[in-house]
Protein backbone atom coordinates (compact mmCIF):
# COMPACT_ATOMS: atom_id res chain seq x y z
CA MET A 1 76.78 -39.76 -127.79
CA ARG A 2 80.25 -39.58 -126.26
CA LYS A 3 80.83 -40.15 -122.56
CA ALA A 4 82.00 -36.56 -122.12
CA ASN A 5 78.74 -35.22 -123.54
CA ILE A 6 76.73 -37.49 -121.25
CA VAL A 7 78.72 -36.24 -118.23
CA ARG A 8 78.12 -32.65 -119.31
CA LEU A 9 74.40 -33.22 -119.76
CA ILE A 10 73.97 -34.91 -116.38
CA THR A 11 76.10 -32.37 -114.50
CA TYR A 12 74.53 -29.27 -116.03
CA SER A 13 70.97 -30.55 -115.64
CA THR A 14 71.55 -31.58 -112.04
CA ALA A 15 73.16 -28.26 -111.12
CA VAL A 16 70.24 -26.32 -112.59
CA LEU A 17 67.28 -28.57 -111.80
CA ILE A 18 67.94 -29.33 -108.12
CA PRO A 19 67.70 -25.67 -106.99
CA ILE A 20 64.62 -25.15 -109.17
CA LEU A 21 62.94 -28.24 -107.71
CA ALA A 22 63.82 -27.08 -104.20
CA MET A 23 62.13 -23.74 -104.83
CA LEU A 24 59.08 -25.39 -106.43
CA ASN A 25 58.78 -27.74 -103.44
CA CYS A 26 58.35 -24.89 -100.94
CA SER A 27 56.10 -21.85 -100.97
CA GLY A 28 55.54 -18.68 -99.03
CA TRP A 29 59.09 -17.35 -98.89
CA SER A 30 59.25 -14.11 -96.94
CA THR A 31 61.87 -11.46 -97.63
CA ILE A 32 61.56 -10.21 -94.06
CA ASP A 33 62.81 -13.32 -92.28
CA GLY A 34 64.13 -15.25 -95.31
CA LYS A 35 62.19 -18.43 -94.55
CA VAL A 36 59.63 -20.51 -96.42
CA SER A 37 56.27 -21.10 -94.75
CA SER A 38 55.44 -24.58 -96.07
CA CYS A 39 56.93 -27.37 -98.16
CA ILE A 40 55.31 -30.32 -99.93
CA ILE A 41 58.12 -32.66 -98.89
CA ASP A 42 58.75 -31.22 -95.46
CA GLY A 43 62.09 -31.59 -93.76
CA GLU A 44 64.68 -29.32 -92.22
CA VAL A 45 67.21 -30.03 -94.98
CA PHE A 46 64.69 -29.25 -97.73
CA ARG A 47 63.56 -26.04 -96.01
CA GLU A 48 67.09 -24.76 -95.47
CA PHE A 49 68.11 -25.55 -99.05
CA ALA A 50 65.02 -23.76 -100.39
CA ASN A 51 65.77 -20.79 -98.12
CA ALA A 52 69.32 -20.66 -99.47
CA CYS A 53 68.12 -20.86 -103.09
CA TYR A 54 65.54 -18.12 -102.61
CA GLY A 55 68.11 -15.95 -100.82
CA PHE A 56 70.59 -16.50 -103.64
CA ILE A 57 67.98 -15.47 -106.22
CA LEU A 58 67.11 -12.37 -104.17
CA LEU A 59 70.79 -11.44 -103.91
CA SER A 60 71.18 -11.97 -107.67
CA ALA A 61 68.23 -9.68 -108.35
CA PHE A 62 69.97 -6.80 -106.58
CA MET A 63 73.38 -7.52 -108.14
CA LEU A 64 72.19 -7.67 -111.76
CA GLY A 65 72.47 -11.47 -111.92
CA LEU A 66 76.20 -11.59 -111.22
CA PRO A 67 75.96 -14.39 -108.61
CA LEU A 68 73.95 -16.53 -111.05
CA ILE A 69 76.51 -15.94 -113.79
CA LEU A 70 79.32 -16.86 -111.39
CA TYR A 71 77.43 -19.99 -110.26
CA LEU A 72 76.89 -21.20 -113.82
CA GLY A 73 80.46 -20.27 -114.80
CA GLY A 74 81.82 -22.22 -111.83
CA ILE A 75 79.78 -25.27 -112.77
CA ILE A 76 80.92 -25.10 -116.39
CA ALA A 77 84.58 -24.56 -115.44
CA THR A 78 84.57 -27.40 -112.90
CA THR A 79 82.89 -29.83 -115.29
CA GLU A 80 85.18 -28.98 -118.19
CA ALA A 81 88.28 -29.28 -115.97
CA MET A 82 87.09 -32.67 -114.71
CA ILE A 83 86.50 -33.93 -118.26
CA PHE A 84 89.86 -32.57 -119.43
CA LEU A 85 91.75 -34.21 -116.56
CA THR A 86 90.02 -37.56 -116.92
CA THR A 87 90.72 -37.54 -120.66
CA LYS A 88 94.41 -36.83 -120.05
CA ILE A 89 94.60 -39.58 -117.41
CA ASN A 90 92.91 -42.09 -119.74
CA VAL A 91 95.28 -41.22 -122.59
CA LYS A 92 98.29 -41.63 -120.32
CA LEU A 93 97.02 -44.97 -119.01
CA LYS A 94 96.49 -46.22 -122.58
CA GLN A 95 100.02 -45.16 -123.55
CA ASP A 96 101.52 -46.96 -120.53
CA LYS A 97 99.92 -50.28 -121.51
């Protein structure tokens, strides 16, 4: 497996799995106040991140998934640009030697 494919795999899985794990960690999210009631791993950072993820999913539900599509598109574009730029820099460094 090439290094670029490994970077893609790690970046895409991290960007998708961390919000899912944050939402699975907490339960009892209320649409009225936008807050979770309890978390397995309890901490202010974990609660706020879960609140943001649940709010983002709620917003996406009313906007036909457009925010989710933009989120995934932004992750893909950023990762591909990073891989492209690092490849160009490595080629240039090899040519300079």
